Amino acid sequence: MTDLARIALSDVEIPPAEGGSPRLRGVLGVPEGPGPWPGVVLLHEAFGVDGVMRRQVQRMAATGYLALMPDLFSDGGARSSLVRTFTAVAAGEGRPFADAEAARSHLAAMPGCTGRLGVLGSSVGGGLALHLAARGFDAAAVFYARLPQDPHTALVGACPVVAGYGGADPGLRGAAAELGTVLTRLGVRHDVREYPGAGHGFLHDAPVGPRPLRPVLRNLLRIRPDAGAAADTWARTDAWFAEHLRG
């Protein structure tokens, strides 16, 4: 994998989709060397496109994918968009879905894209990515994601899914087992793993959120990095996307 420091990120404007943010911004990472490359749409967590999320874009580009993270809070910022985003993801429709589709279409139209497209998301972005697994992508990677209200319906026809959950995540107990059961019943190829000692946000490479809230996030909500779980998850994701987006 290319050194992350060698991947420059570009802040871009994404042509909006119907029902989406009228001025949709995003962060784009382009691999080194000659293309074309598969594309990956990355979907951010509740704290928006912060440093942790931007490094995830760099990581996917360093691995050899056109990587685009749309800013789901483009219209009004996190304060006015956060609750609306959670509500839309729970309902399975709304502006975040239109914004993700705009990002997918933008990537697919880029001259350097092969047309093979994956989606990756964690937390609320993972919930959105899980819905999108059945909406036109070739592979999905979802981490500590809440399941759709009716997963047996929402995931019909889903693309191959790799997923990771923390066994010490208080808000998602049993989610990994349930997701694996649903995907098995639907005949969807999947690799779902739960990491016993990991909490929510185990992919983070640094603390997230406002500094005064970090002790609460870490101790009460168990939002904390876990280097072991993160390394295994990234290795599984790399292998999954290599098989389903390159192979």
Foldseek 3Di string as FASTA:
>chain_A
DADLVVWDKDWDWFCFFVQADNTKIKIKTAAPDAAQFAAEEEEEALQWCDPQNNSVNSVVNPLTHTYMYITRQPPPGSVVCRVVLLVQLQVLDGHVLRRSVSVLVRQCPDPSHPNAYEYEYEESRLSNQQLCQQPDHQEYEHEPYDHHPDNLPSCQNGHEYEYEYELAQVVQHPVQVVVVVSCVVNVYHYHGDYHDHAYGQQLGPDQDDDPVCRVCCCPPRVNDHDVVRNVVSVVVVSVRCCVRRVD
